[in-house]
């Protein structure tokens, strides 16, 4: 049976952060995550599997929330 994953939208900040952590692992620590340029973050989010949002729908608020959730996800995996 195929594994079905729900589509991810811009408001799914936590799901996006988890996907980014899975993709990049510990190559980004807290300080590096907060220094990521929004243009790079935007490209990475748009390239995630199951992501259905568009570049035009992105807001600075979405990107800030994604960064913060990614930091929490990174911290949760440091134990």
Protein backbone atom coordinates (compact mmCIF):
# COMPACT_ATOMS: atom_id res chain seq x y z
CA UNK A 1 0.00 0.00 0.00
CA UNK A 2 1.38 3.41 -0.95
CA UNK A 3 2.09 5.93 1.77
CA UNK A 4 -0.14 8.96 1.31
CA UNK A 5 0.89 12.31 2.71
CA UNK A 6 -1.42 15.28 2.95
CA UNK A 7 -0.53 18.42 1.04
CA UNK A 8 1.37 21.07 3.00
CA UNK A 9 0.24 24.70 2.83
CA UNK A 10 1.86 27.98 3.95
CA UNK A 11 -0.04 27.94 7.27
CA UNK A 12 1.37 24.50 8.15
CA UNK A 13 4.45 26.07 9.74
CA UNK A 14 5.23 23.10 11.97
CA UNK A 15 4.91 20.57 9.14
CA UNK A 16 7.18 22.69 6.95
CA UNK A 17 9.73 23.01 9.76
CA UNK A 18 9.73 19.26 10.33
CA UNK A 19 10.24 18.64 6.61
CA UNK A 20 13.14 21.13 6.51
CA UNK A 21 14.73 19.47 9.53
CA UNK A 22 14.36 16.05 7.87
CA UNK A 23 15.94 17.45 4.71
CA UNK A 24 18.86 19.32 6.32
CA UNK A 25 19.27 17.55 9.68
CA UNK A 26 21.93 19.12 11.85
CA UNK A 27 23.63 21.00 9.01
CA UNK A 28 21.80 24.06 10.36
CA UNK A 29 21.92 24.85 14.06
CA UNK A 30 19.84 27.53 15.78
CA UNK A 31 22.14 30.42 14.86
CA UNK A 32 22.40 29.31 11.22
CA UNK A 33 18.64 28.83 10.89
CA UNK A 34 18.04 32.42 12.01
CA UNK A 35 20.63 33.68 9.50
CA UNK A 36 19.03 31.97 6.47
CA UNK A 37 18.00 34.51 3.85
CA UNK A 38 14.27 34.51 3.24
CA UNK A 39 14.87 34.09 -0.50
CA UNK A 40 16.69 30.80 0.19
CA UNK A 41 14.10 29.67 2.72
CA UNK A 42 11.33 30.41 0.25
CA UNK A 43 13.01 28.31 -2.45
CA UNK A 44 13.56 25.42 -0.03
CA UNK A 45 9.93 25.44 1.13
CA UNK A 46 8.66 25.52 -2.45
CA UNK A 47 10.83 22.49 -3.29
CA UNK A 48 9.46 20.31 -0.47
CA UNK A 49 7.49 17.23 -1.54
CA UNK A 50 3.75 17.67 -0.93
CA UNK A 51 4.05 21.47 -0.63
CA UNK A 52 1.22 23.05 -2.60
CA UNK A 53 1.61 26.76 -1.83
CA UNK A 54 2.92 29.27 -4.33
CA UNK A 55 5.65 31.90 -4.16
CA UNK A 56 2.98 34.61 -4.44
CA UNK A 57 1.19 33.34 -1.32
CA UNK A 58 4.31 33.58 0.84
CA UNK A 59 4.49 36.32 3.45
CA UNK A 60 7.28 37.48 5.71
CA UNK A 61 5.14 36.29 8.62
CA UNK A 62 5.00 32.76 7.21
CA UNK A 63 8.76 32.67 6.76
CA UNK A 64 9.38 34.00 10.28
CA UNK A 65 7.07 31.36 11.77
CA UNK A 66 8.75 28.61 9.74
CA UNK A 67 12.17 29.74 10.97
CA UNK A 68 11.00 29.73 14.59
CA UNK A 69 9.38 26.29 14.30
CA UNK A 70 12.50 24.92 12.58
CA UNK A 71 14.58 26.10 15.55
CA UNK A 72 12.18 24.33 17.95
CA UNK A 73 12.37 21.19 15.82
CA UNK A 74 16.20 21.36 15.83
CA UNK A 75 16.24 21.84 19.63
CA UNK A 76 13.86 18.89 20.15
CA UNK A 77 16.26 16.63 18.28
CA UNK A 78 19.41 17.56 20.19
CA UNK A 79 18.88 15.12 23.08
